[in-house]
Amino acid sequence: MKKILTEKERLVADKLVMLFVLEKMEISLTEDSILDICSVKNEWIKNYMDCKTIIHDLVDSKLLYKISDKEDSKELFDLTYEGRECLSHLYRRIPLEKREEISAYLQANKLSVKSSQEYSSTYRKNADGSYNVELKIYEPQSTSPMFVLTVKAPTRQSANEAIHKWKTSAPAIYEVIYDKLINVD
């Protein structure tokens, strides 16, 4: 028989799950990645808004720290020493089946999460009806882009196509441009 948790116990369990996810990922994560992993693709933290709140509660309580860049809006979150210590003492409060499920999911999806954070893209509509597509590559664990490319797309559909292609083409495009522009002799 499953024990019914009080609201406070559920909140503590959700915080431990988030700490466990960040520890198992072994890389800093964006807020979107954390929300996606914990609440959207999996229901380890059932309420999306609680998930958002938990991230900032853990930062406030110094169990997570935030890395940000004033020039770019990208923020990364990772465990503090205190967060690791807390998890090491309390991880057994997360049921074994859930820990195994989380570990298996993260092992299978670690590379896709990492690449989704390294290659980002957005678009904005211009006054003339065209779209500026901004494509970025981030170094791992960095909040400022190491490469930014802005291209003008004639339609929204072509802007979306560029964004879709960027996820798989970014490394090759970067390599060609770098090789053509930077002399490493």
N, C-alpha and C. Protein backbone atom coordinates (compact mmCIF):
# COMPACT_ATOMS: atom_id res chain seq x y z
N MET A 1 0.84 -1.19 0.00
CA MET A 1 0.00 0.00 0.00
C MET A 1 0.88 1.25 0.00
N LYS A 2 0.56 2.17 -0.90
CA LYS A 2 1.33 3.39 -1.03
C LYS A 2 0.95 4.38 0.06
N LYS A 3 1.96 4.98 0.67
CA LYS A 3 1.72 5.99 1.70
C LYS A 3 1.32 7.30 1.02
N ILE A 4 0.30 7.93 1.54
CA ILE A 4 -0.13 9.22 1.02
C ILE A 4 0.69 10.30 1.73
N LEU A 5 1.36 11.11 0.93
CA LEU A 5 2.24 12.14 1.48
C LEU A 5 1.46 13.42 1.77
N THR A 6 1.88 14.10 2.84
CA THR A 6 1.34 15.43 3.10
C THR A 6 1.93 16.38 2.06
N GLU A 7 1.41 17.56 1.96
CA GLU A 7 1.91 18.55 1.00
C GLU A 7 3.38 18.86 1.27
N LYS A 8 3.76 18.99 2.53
CA LYS A 8 5.14 19.29 2.90
C LYS A 8 6.06 18.12 2.52
N GLU A 9 5.64 16.89 2.77
CA GLU A 9 6.44 15.71 2.42
C GLU A 9 6.60 15.59 0.91
N ARG A 10 5.54 15.89 0.17
CA ARG A 10 5.60 15.84 -1.29
C ARG A 10 6.58 16.87 -1.82
N LEU A 11 6.56 18.07 -1.24
CA LEU A 11 7.46 19.13 -1.66
C LEU A 11 8.92 18.75 -1.39
N VAL A 12 9.19 18.16 -0.23
CA VAL A 12 10.55 17.70 0.09
C VAL A 12 10.98 16.62 -0.89
N ALA A 13 10.07 15.68 -1.18
CA ALA A 13 10.37 14.60 -2.12
C ALA A 13 10.66 15.16 -3.51
N ASP A 14 9.88 16.15 -3.95
CA ASP A 14 10.10 16.77 -5.26
C ASP A 14 11.45 17.48 -5.32
N LYS A 15 11.83 18.15 -4.23
CA LYS A 15 13.14 18.82 -4.19
C LYS A 15 14.27 17.81 -4.27
N LEU A 16 14.12 16.69 -3.57
CA LEU A 16 15.14 15.64 -3.63
C LEU A 16 15.25 15.05 -5.03
N VAL A 17 14.11 14.87 -5.70
CA VAL A 17 14.13 14.37 -7.07
C VAL A 17 14.90 15.33 -7.97
N MET A 18 14.67 16.63 -7.82
CA MET A 18 15.36 17.60 -8.65
C MET A 18 16.86 17.57 -8.38
N LEU A 19 17.25 17.50 -7.12
CA LEU A 19 18.67 17.41 -6.79
C LEU A 19 19.28 16.14 -7.39
N PHE A 20 18.53 15.03 -7.32
CA PHE A 20 18.99 13.76 -7.87
C PHE A 20 19.19 13.86 -9.39
N VAL A 21 18.25 14.50 -10.06
CA VAL A 21 18.34 14.68 -11.52
C VAL A 21 19.60 15.48 -11.87
N LEU A 22 19.82 16.57 -11.17
CA LEU A 22 20.99 17.41 -11.46
C LEU A 22 22.29 16.66 -11.17
N GLU A 23 22.32 15.86 -10.12
CA GLU A 23 23.52 15.09 -9.83
C GLU A 23 23.78 14.05 -10.92
N LYS A 24 22.76 13.35 -11.34
CA LYS A 24 22.91 12.29 -12.34
C LYS A 24 23.25 12.85 -13.73
N MET A 25 22.82 14.06 -14.03
CA MET A 25 23.12 14.65 -15.34
C MET A 25 24.60 15.00 -15.47
N GLU A 26 25.23 15.37 -14.38
CA GLU A 26 26.66 15.69 -14.35
C GLU A 26 27.03 16.92 -15.16
N ILE A 27 26.04 17.70 -15.58
CA ILE A 27 26.29 18.98 -16.24
C ILE A 27 25.27 19.98 -15.70
N SER A 28 25.61 21.25 -15.80
CA SER A 28 24.65 22.29 -15.43
C SER A 28 23.52 22.28 -16.44
N LEU A 29 22.32 22.63 -15.97
CA LEU A 29 21.14 22.60 -16.84
C LEU A 29 20.45 23.95 -16.85
N THR A 30 19.82 24.27 -17.97
CA THR A 30 18.98 25.46 -18.05
C THR A 30 17.67 25.17 -17.32
N GLU A 31 16.96 26.21 -16.98
CA GLU A 31 15.66 26.03 -16.34
C GLU A 31 14.72 25.24 -17.24
N ASP A 32 14.73 25.56 -18.53
CA ASP A 32 13.88 24.83 -19.47
C ASP A 32 14.20 23.35 -19.50
N SER A 33 15.48 23.00 -19.47
CA SER A 33 15.86 21.59 -19.47
C SER A 33 15.38 20.88 -18.20
N ILE A 34 15.53 21.55 -17.07
CA ILE A 34 15.07 20.96 -15.80
C ILE A 34 13.56 20.74 -15.84
N LEU A 35 12.83 21.75 -16.28
CA LEU A 35 11.38 21.63 -16.36
C LEU A 35 10.97 20.53 -17.32
N ASP A 36 11.65 20.47 -18.45
CA ASP A 36 11.35 19.46 -19.46
C ASP A 36 11.59 18.05 -18.91
N ILE A 37 12.72 17.85 -18.27
CA ILE A 37 13.07 16.53 -17.75
C ILE A 37 12.16 16.12 -16.60
N CYS A 38 11.96 17.02 -15.65
CA CYS A 38 11.26 16.66 -14.40
C CYS A 38 9.74 16.70 -14.49
N SER A 39 9.22 17.57 -15.34
CA SER A 39 7.78 17.80 -15.30
C SER A 39 7.05 17.58 -16.62
N VAL A 40 7.71 17.82 -17.75
CA VAL A 40 7.03 17.71 -19.04
C VAL A 40 7.16 16.29 -19.61
N LYS A 41 8.39 15.84 -19.84
CA LYS A 41 8.59 14.52 -20.43
C LYS A 41 8.39 13.39 -19.43
N ASN A 42 8.57 13.68 -18.17
CA ASN A 42 8.36 12.72 -17.10
C ASN A 42 7.50 13.42 -16.06
N GLU A 43 6.82 12.67 -15.26
CA GLU A 43 6.00 13.30 -14.22
C GLU A 43 6.61 13.04 -12.85
N TRP A 44 7.94 13.20 -12.77
CA TRP A 44 8.59 13.02 -11.49
C TRP A 44 8.20 14.14 -10.54
N ILE A 45 7.99 15.34 -11.10
CA ILE A 45 7.40 16.44 -10.35
C ILE A 45 6.15 16.81 -11.14
N LYS A 46 5.00 16.43 -10.60
CA LYS A 46 3.76 16.47 -11.37
C LYS A 46 3.31 17.87 -11.77
N ASN A 47 3.46 18.83 -10.89
CA ASN A 47 2.98 20.17 -11.16
C ASN A 47 4.10 21.04 -11.75
N TYR A 48 3.90 21.50 -12.98
CA TYR A 48 4.89 22.31 -13.69
C TYR A 48 5.25 23.58 -12.91
N MET A 49 4.26 24.26 -12.37
CA MET A 49 4.52 25.49 -11.63
C MET A 49 5.28 25.21 -10.34
N ASP A 50 4.98 24.09 -9.68
CA ASP A 50 5.76 23.70 -8.50
C ASP A 50 7.21 23.48 -8.89
N CYS A 51 7.41 22.86 -10.03
CA CYS A 51 8.75 22.57 -10.52
C CYS A 51 9.54 23.87 -10.69
N LYS A 52 8.92 24.88 -11.29
CA LYS A 52 9.57 26.18 -11.45
C LYS A 52 9.92 26.79 -10.10
N THR A 53 8.98 26.71 -9.18
CA THR A 53 9.18 27.28 -7.84
C THR A 53 10.30 26.54 -7.11
N ILE A 54 10.35 25.24 -7.24
CA ILE A 54 11.36 24.44 -6.56
C ILE A 54 12.77 24.84 -7.00
N ILE A 55 12.94 25.10 -8.28
CA ILE A 55 14.26 25.52 -8.77
C ILE A 55 14.74 26.74 -7.99
N HIS A 56 13.88 27.74 -7.88
CA HIS A 56 14.28 28.98 -7.23
C HIS A 56 14.35 28.84 -5.71
N ASP A 57 13.52 27.97 -5.13
CA ASP A 57 13.64 27.68 -3.70
C ASP A 57 14.98 27.05 -3.38
N LEU A 58 15.42 26.12 -4.25
CA LEU A 58 16.71 25.45 -4.03
C LEU A 58 17.88 26.42 -4.20
N VAL A 59 17.73 27.40 -5.08
CA VAL A 59 18.76 28.44 -5.21
C VAL A 59 18.77 29.30 -3.95
N ASP A 60 17.59 29.71 -3.50
CA ASP A 60 17.49 30.54 -2.29
C ASP A 60 18.06 29.84 -1.06
N SER A 61 17.88 28.52 -1.00
CA SER A 61 18.38 27.77 0.16
C SER A 61 19.82 27.30 -0.05
N LYS A 62 20.45 27.75 -1.13
CA LYS A 62 21.86 27.48 -1.43
C LYS A 62 22.16 26.01 -1.69
N LEU A 63 21.17 25.26 -2.19
CA LEU A 63 21.39 23.87 -2.58
C LEU A 63 21.68 23.79 -4.08
N LEU A 64 21.28 24.81 -4.82
CA LEU A 64 21.61 24.99 -6.23
C LEU A 64 22.24 26.37 -6.38
N TYR A 65 23.07 26.52 -7.39
CA TYR A 65 23.55 27.85 -7.73
C TYR A 65 23.23 28.14 -9.19
N LYS A 66 23.14 29.42 -9.47
CA LYS A 66 22.77 29.88 -10.81
C LYS A 66 23.97 30.56 -11.45
N ILE A 67 24.25 30.17 -12.68
CA ILE A 67 25.31 30.79 -13.47
C ILE A 67 24.60 31.58 -14.55
N SER A 68 24.88 32.88 -14.64
CA SER A 68 24.22 33.67 -15.68
C SER A 68 25.19 34.67 -16.29
N ASP A 69 24.83 35.16 -17.43
CA ASP A 69 25.61 36.12 -18.17
C ASP A 69 24.73 37.34 -18.39
N LYS A 70 25.21 38.50 -18.03
CA LYS A 70 24.40 39.71 -18.16
C LYS A 70 24.04 40.02 -19.61
N GLU A 71 24.90 39.66 -20.55
CA GLU A 71 24.67 39.99 -21.95
C GLU A 71 23.71 39.02 -22.63
N ASP A 72 23.63 37.80 -22.12
CA ASP A 72 22.78 36.78 -22.73
C ASP A 72 21.81 36.30 -21.66
N SER A 73 20.63 35.91 -22.06
CA SER A 73 19.61 35.54 -21.09
C SER A 73 19.72 34.10 -20.60
N LYS A 74 20.72 33.38 -21.06
CA LYS A 74 20.85 31.97 -20.68
C LYS A 74 21.35 31.87 -19.24
N GLU A 75 20.65 31.05 -18.45
CA GLU A 75 21.05 30.78 -17.08
C GLU A 75 21.19 29.27 -16.92
N LEU A 76 22.22 28.86 -16.21
CA LEU A 76 22.44 27.46 -15.91
C LEU A 76 22.33 27.24 -14.41
N PHE A 77 21.86 26.06 -14.03
CA PHE A 77 21.73 25.70 -12.62
C PHE A 77 22.52 24.43 -12.36
N ASP A 78 23.15 24.38 -11.18
CA ASP A 78 23.89 23.18 -10.80
C ASP A 78 23.88 23.06 -9.28
N LEU A 79 24.28 21.88 -8.82
CA LEU A 79 24.31 21.61 -7.39
C LEU A 79 25.45 22.35 -6.72
N THR A 80 25.20 22.85 -5.53
CA THR A 80 26.27 23.38 -4.69
C THR A 80 26.83 22.22 -3.88
N TYR A 81 27.89 22.47 -3.16
CA TYR A 81 28.45 21.46 -2.27
C TYR A 81 27.39 21.04 -1.25
N GLU A 82 26.67 22.03 -0.73
CA GLU A 82 25.61 21.75 0.25
C GLU A 82 24.49 20.91 -0.36
N GLY A 83 24.18 21.17 -1.63
CA GLY A 83 23.17 20.38 -2.33
C GLY A 83 23.58 18.92 -2.47
N ARG A 84 24.85 18.70 -2.79
CA ARG A 84 25.37 17.33 -2.90
C ARG A 84 25.35 16.64 -1.54
N GLU A 85 25.74 17.36 -0.50
CA GLU A 85 25.73 16.80 0.85
C GLU A 85 24.31 16.44 1.28
N CYS A 86 23.38 17.34 1.05
CA CYS A 86 21.98 17.09 1.40
C CYS A 86 21.48 15.84 0.70
N LEU A 87 21.75 15.75 -0.61
CA LEU A 87 21.30 14.60 -1.37
C LEU A 87 21.95 13.31 -0.88
N SER A 88 23.23 13.38 -0.54
CA SER A 88 23.92 12.16 -0.09
C SER A 88 23.31 11.61 1.20
N HIS A 89 22.76 12.48 2.03
CA HIS A 89 22.14 12.04 3.28
C HIS A 89 20.69 11.62 3.11
N LEU A 90 20.00 12.18 2.11
CA LEU A 90 18.55 11.98 2.02
C LEU A 90 18.08 11.26 0.76
N TYR A 91 18.99 10.86 -0.14
CA TYR A 91 18.55 10.28 -1.42
C TYR A 91 17.70 9.03 -1.24
N ARG A 92 17.85 8.33 -0.13
CA ARG A 92 17.06 7.11 0.09
C ARG A 92 15.59 7.41 0.33
N ARG A 93 15.27 8.66 0.53
CA ARG A 93 13.85 9.03 0.63
C ARG A 93 13.16 8.97 -0.73
N ILE A 94 13.97 8.96 -1.79
CA ILE A 94 13.43 8.77 -3.13
C ILE A 94 13.32 7.26 -3.32
N PRO A 95 12.14 6.74 -3.61
CA PRO A 95 12.00 5.29 -3.76
C PRO A 95 12.98 4.72 -4.79
N LEU A 96 13.49 3.53 -4.51
CA LEU A 96 14.47 2.88 -5.38
C LEU A 96 13.98 2.80 -6.82
N GLU A 97 12.71 2.44 -7.03
CA GLU A 97 12.17 2.33 -8.39
C GLU A 97 12.25 3.65 -9.12
N LYS A 98 11.98 4.75 -8.41
CA LYS A 98 12.03 6.07 -9.03
C LYS A 98 13.48 6.45 -9.34
N ARG A 99 14.39 6.16 -8.43
CA ARG A 99 15.82 6.45 -8.68
C ARG A 99 16.31 5.68 -9.91
N GLU A 100 15.90 4.43 -10.01
CA GLU A 100 16.30 3.61 -11.17
C GLU A 100 15.69 4.15 -12.46
N GLU A 101 14.43 4.57 -12.40
CA GLU A 101 13.75 5.14 -13.57
C GLU A 101 14.45 6.42 -14.02
N ILE A 102 14.76 7.28 -13.06
CA ILE A 102 15.43 8.55 -13.37
C ILE A 102 16.81 8.27 -13.97
N SER A 103 17.56 7.39 -13.35
CA SER A 103 18.91 7.07 -13.84
C SER A 103 18.88 6.51 -15.25
N ALA A 104 17.95 5.61 -15.52
CA ALA A 104 17.83 5.01 -16.86
C ALA A 104 17.46 6.08 -17.89
N TYR A 105 16.50 6.93 -17.57
CA TYR A 105 16.07 7.98 -18.49
C TYR A 105 17.24 8.93 -18.81
N LEU A 106 17.93 9.36 -17.76
CA LEU A 106 19.02 10.32 -17.96
C LEU A 106 20.18 9.71 -18.73
N GLN A 107 20.47 8.45 -18.47
CA GLN A 107 21.53 7.76 -19.22
C GLN A 107 21.19 7.72 -20.71
N ALA A 108 19.94 7.44 -21.01
CA ALA A 108 19.50 7.32 -22.41
C ALA A 108 19.39 8.68 -23.10
N ASN A 109 19.16 9.76 -22.34
CA ASN A 109 18.86 11.06 -22.94
C ASN A 109 19.89 12.15 -22.64
N LYS A 110 20.97 11.81 -21.98
CA LYS A 110 21.97 12.82 -21.57
C LYS A 110 22.52 13.60 -22.76
N LEU A 111 22.86 12.91 -23.83
CA LEU A 111 23.45 13.59 -24.99
C LEU A 111 22.46 14.53 -25.67
N SER A 112 21.20 14.12 -25.78
CA SER A 112 20.22 15.00 -26.43
C SER A 112 19.94 16.24 -25.58
N VAL A 113 19.93 16.07 -24.26
CA VAL A 113 19.74 17.23 -23.38
C VAL A 113 20.93 18.18 -23.52
N LYS A 114 22.12 17.61 -23.52
CA LYS A 114 23.34 18.42 -23.64
C LYS A 114 23.34 19.20 -24.95
N SER A 115 23.03 18.52 -26.07
CA SER A 115 23.05 19.22 -27.36
C SER A 115 21.94 20.25 -27.45
N SER A 116 20.80 20.00 -26.83
CA SER A 116 19.72 21.00 -26.88
C SER A 116 20.12 22.27 -26.15
N GLN A 117 21.03 22.16 -25.19
CA GLN A 117 21.51 23.34 -24.47
C GLN A 117 22.66 24.02 -25.22
N GLU A 118 23.40 23.27 -26.00
CA GLU A 118 24.55 23.83 -26.71
C GLU A 118 24.15 24.55 -28.00
N TYR A 119 23.06 24.15 -28.61
CA TYR A 119 22.62 24.75 -29.86
C TYR A 119 21.24 25.37 -29.66
N SER A 120 21.19 26.69 -29.73
CA SER A 120 19.89 27.34 -29.54
C SER A 120 19.56 28.19 -30.76
N SER A 121 18.28 28.45 -30.92
CA SER A 121 17.84 29.23 -32.08
C SER A 121 16.51 29.91 -31.77
N THR A 122 16.37 31.11 -32.31
CA THR A 122 15.13 31.87 -32.17
C THR A 122 14.94 32.68 -33.46
N TYR A 123 13.72 33.20 -33.62
CA TYR A 123 13.50 34.10 -34.75
C TYR A 123 12.58 35.23 -34.32
N ARG A 124 12.71 36.35 -35.05
CA ARG A 124 11.90 37.55 -34.82
C ARG A 124 11.40 38.06 -36.16
N LYS A 125 10.18 38.51 -36.18
CA LYS A 125 9.60 39.07 -37.40
C LYS A 125 10.09 40.50 -37.59
N ASN A 126 10.46 40.81 -38.81
CA ASN A 126 10.90 42.16 -39.16
C ASN A 126 9.71 42.97 -39.68
N ALA A 127 9.88 44.28 -39.76
CA ALA A 127 8.81 45.16 -40.24
C ALA A 127 8.42 44.84 -41.68
N ASP A 128 9.38 44.35 -42.49
CA ASP A 128 9.09 44.05 -43.89
C ASP A 128 8.44 42.68 -44.10
N GLY A 129 8.15 41.95 -43.01
CA GLY A 129 7.51 40.64 -43.12
C GLY A 129 8.48 39.47 -43.14
N SER A 130 9.78 39.77 -43.29
CA SER A 130 10.78 38.70 -43.24
C SER A 130 11.08 38.38 -41.77
N TYR A 131 11.96 37.41 -41.56
CA TYR A 131 12.29 36.98 -40.20
C TYR A 131 13.80 36.93 -40.02
N ASN A 132 14.29 37.44 -38.90
CA ASN A 132 15.69 37.28 -38.53
C ASN A 132 15.79 36.02 -37.68
N VAL A 133 16.61 35.08 -38.11
CA VAL A 133 16.82 33.83 -37.39
C VAL A 133 18.19 33.93 -36.72
N GLU A 134 18.20 33.82 -35.39
CA GLU A 134 19.44 33.89 -34.64
C GLU A 134 19.81 32.49 -34.17
N LEU A 135 20.98 32.03 -34.59
CA LEU A 135 21.46 30.68 -34.31
C LEU A 135 22.70 30.80 -33.43
N LYS A 136 22.73 30.05 -32.33
CA LYS A 136 23.84 30.16 -31.37
C LYS A 136 24.40 28.79 -31.02
N ILE A 137 25.70 28.81 -30.71
CA ILE A 137 26.36 27.64 -30.15
C ILE A 137 27.01 28.08 -28.84
N TYR A 138 26.75 27.31 -27.80
CA TYR A 138 27.32 27.57 -26.49
C TYR A 138 28.37 26.52 -26.17
N GLU A 139 29.43 26.95 -25.51
CA GLU A 139 30.37 25.97 -24.98
C GLU A 139 29.69 25.29 -23.79
N PRO A 140 30.00 24.02 -23.54
CA PRO A 140 29.41 23.37 -22.37
C PRO A 140 29.72 24.17 -21.10
N GLN A 141 28.74 24.29 -20.26
CA GLN A 141 28.86 24.97 -18.96
C GLN A 141 29.08 26.47 -19.09
N SER A 142 28.78 27.06 -20.23
CA SER A 142 28.95 28.49 -20.42
C SER A 142 27.60 29.14 -20.71
N THR A 143 27.46 30.36 -20.23
CA THR A 143 26.20 31.07 -20.46
C THR A 143 26.29 32.05 -21.62
N SER A 144 27.49 32.30 -22.11
CA SER A 144 27.61 33.21 -23.25
C SER A 144 27.95 32.39 -24.50
N PRO A 145 27.33 32.77 -25.62
CA PRO A 145 27.56 31.98 -26.84
C PRO A 145 28.97 32.17 -27.37
N MET A 146 29.54 31.10 -27.92
CA MET A 146 30.85 31.19 -28.55
C MET A 146 30.72 31.48 -30.04
N PHE A 147 29.48 31.31 -30.57
CA PHE A 147 29.23 31.52 -31.99
C PHE A 147 27.79 31.98 -32.14
N VAL A 148 27.59 33.07 -32.88
CA VAL A 148 26.24 33.57 -33.16
C VAL A 148 26.17 33.87 -34.65
N LEU A 149 25.12 33.36 -35.27
CA LEU A 149 24.90 33.58 -36.70
C LEU A 149 23.46 34.09 -36.85
N THR A 150 23.31 35.21 -37.54
CA THR A 150 21.97 35.74 -37.80
C THR A 150 21.75 35.71 -39.31
N VAL A 151 20.66 35.09 -39.71
CA VAL A 151 20.31 35.04 -41.13
C VAL A 151 18.89 35.57 -41.30
N LYS A 152 18.65 36.11 -42.49
CA LYS A 152 17.32 36.64 -42.80
C LYS A 152 16.56 35.60 -43.61
N ALA A 153 15.37 35.24 -43.13
CA ALA A 153 14.53 34.26 -43.82
C ALA A 153 13.31 34.99 -44.39
N PRO A 154 12.89 34.65 -45.61
CA PRO A 154 11.78 35.37 -46.24
C PRO A 154 10.41 35.07 -45.62
N THR A 155 10.24 33.87 -45.07
CA THR A 155 8.93 33.51 -44.51
C THR A 155 9.11 32.86 -43.14
N ARG A 156 8.00 32.77 -42.42
CA ARG A 156 8.02 32.10 -41.12
C ARG A 156 8.36 30.62 -41.29
N GLN A 157 7.84 30.02 -42.34
CA GLN A 157 8.11 28.60 -42.60
C GLN A 157 9.61 28.38 -42.82
N SER A 158 10.24 29.24 -43.59
CA SER A 158 11.68 29.07 -43.83
C SER A 158 12.48 29.35 -42.54
N ALA A 159 12.00 30.26 -41.69
CA ALA A 159 12.65 30.50 -40.40
C ALA A 159 12.56 29.25 -39.53
N ASN A 160 11.39 28.62 -39.49
CA ASN A 160 11.21 27.38 -38.72
C ASN A 160 12.08 26.25 -39.27
N GLU A 161 12.20 26.17 -40.59
CA GLU A 161 13.06 25.15 -41.21
C GLU A 161 14.51 25.35 -40.80
N ALA A 162 14.96 26.60 -40.79
CA ALA A 162 16.34 26.90 -40.39
C ALA A 162 16.58 26.48 -38.93
N ILE A 163 15.61 26.77 -38.08
CA ILE A 163 15.72 26.40 -36.67
C ILE A 163 15.77 24.88 -36.52
N HIS A 164 14.93 24.19 -37.25
CA HIS A 164 14.91 22.73 -37.19
C HIS A 164 16.23 22.14 -37.68
N LYS A 165 16.76 22.65 -38.78
CA LYS A 165 18.00 22.14 -39.35
C LYS A 165 19.21 22.47 -38.47
N TRP A 166 19.13 23.57 -37.72
CA TRP A 166 20.25 24.01 -36.89
C TRP A 166 20.64 22.94 -35.86
N LYS A 167 19.66 22.28 -35.28
CA LYS A 167 19.94 21.28 -34.25
C LYS A 167 20.89 20.20 -34.73
N THR A 168 20.77 19.79 -35.99
CA THR A 168 21.63 18.73 -36.51
C THR A 168 22.82 19.26 -37.31
N SER A 169 22.70 20.46 -37.86
CA SER A 169 23.74 21.00 -38.74
C SER A 169 24.74 21.91 -38.05
N ALA A 170 24.45 22.34 -36.85
CA ALA A 170 25.29 23.33 -36.17
C ALA A 170 26.77 22.96 -36.12
N PRO A 171 27.13 21.75 -35.70
CA PRO A 171 28.56 21.43 -35.62
C PRO A 171 29.27 21.53 -36.98
N ALA A 172 28.65 21.02 -38.02
CA ALA A 172 29.27 21.05 -39.35
C ALA A 172 29.38 22.48 -39.88
N ILE A 173 28.34 23.29 -39.68
CA ILE A 173 28.37 24.68 -40.14
C ILE A 173 29.46 25.45 -39.41
N TYR A 174 29.53 25.26 -38.11
CA TYR A 174 30.55 25.94 -37.30
C TYR A 174 31.95 25.54 -37.77
N GLU A 175 32.16 24.26 -38.00
CA GLU A 175 33.47 23.77 -38.42
C GLU A 175 33.91 24.41 -39.73
N VAL A 176 33.01 24.48 -40.70
CA VAL A 176 33.35 25.08 -42.00
C VAL A 176 33.69 26.56 -41.83
N ILE A 177 32.86 27.30 -41.11
CA ILE A 177 33.11 28.74 -40.93
C ILE A 177 34.40 28.96 -40.16
N TYR A 178 34.62 28.21 -39.11
CA TYR A 178 35.84 28.36 -38.31
C TYR A 178 37.08 28.08 -39.17
N ASP A 179 37.03 26.98 -39.92
CA ASP A 179 38.17 26.63 -40.78
C ASP A 179 38.45 27.70 -41.83
N LYS A 180 37.41 28.33 -42.36
CA LYS A 180 37.59 29.35 -43.41
C LYS A 180 38.10 30.67 -42.84
N LEU A 181 37.71 30.99 -41.59
CA LEU A 181 38.04 32.29 -41.03
C LEU A 181 39.25 32.32 -40.11
N ILE A 182 39.47 31.28 -39.38
CA ILE A 182 40.52 31.29 -38.37
C ILE A 182 41.73 30.51 -38.83
N ASN A 183 42.86 31.15 -38.85
CA ASN A 183 44.11 30.52 -39.25
C ASN A 183 44.77 29.94 -38.00
N VAL A 184 44.91 28.63 -37.96
CA VAL A 184 45.48 27.99 -36.77
C VAL A 184 46.92 27.51 -37.01
N ASP A 185 47.57 28.00 -38.04
CA ASP A 185 48.95 27.60 -38.33
C ASP A 185 49.92 28.19 -37.36
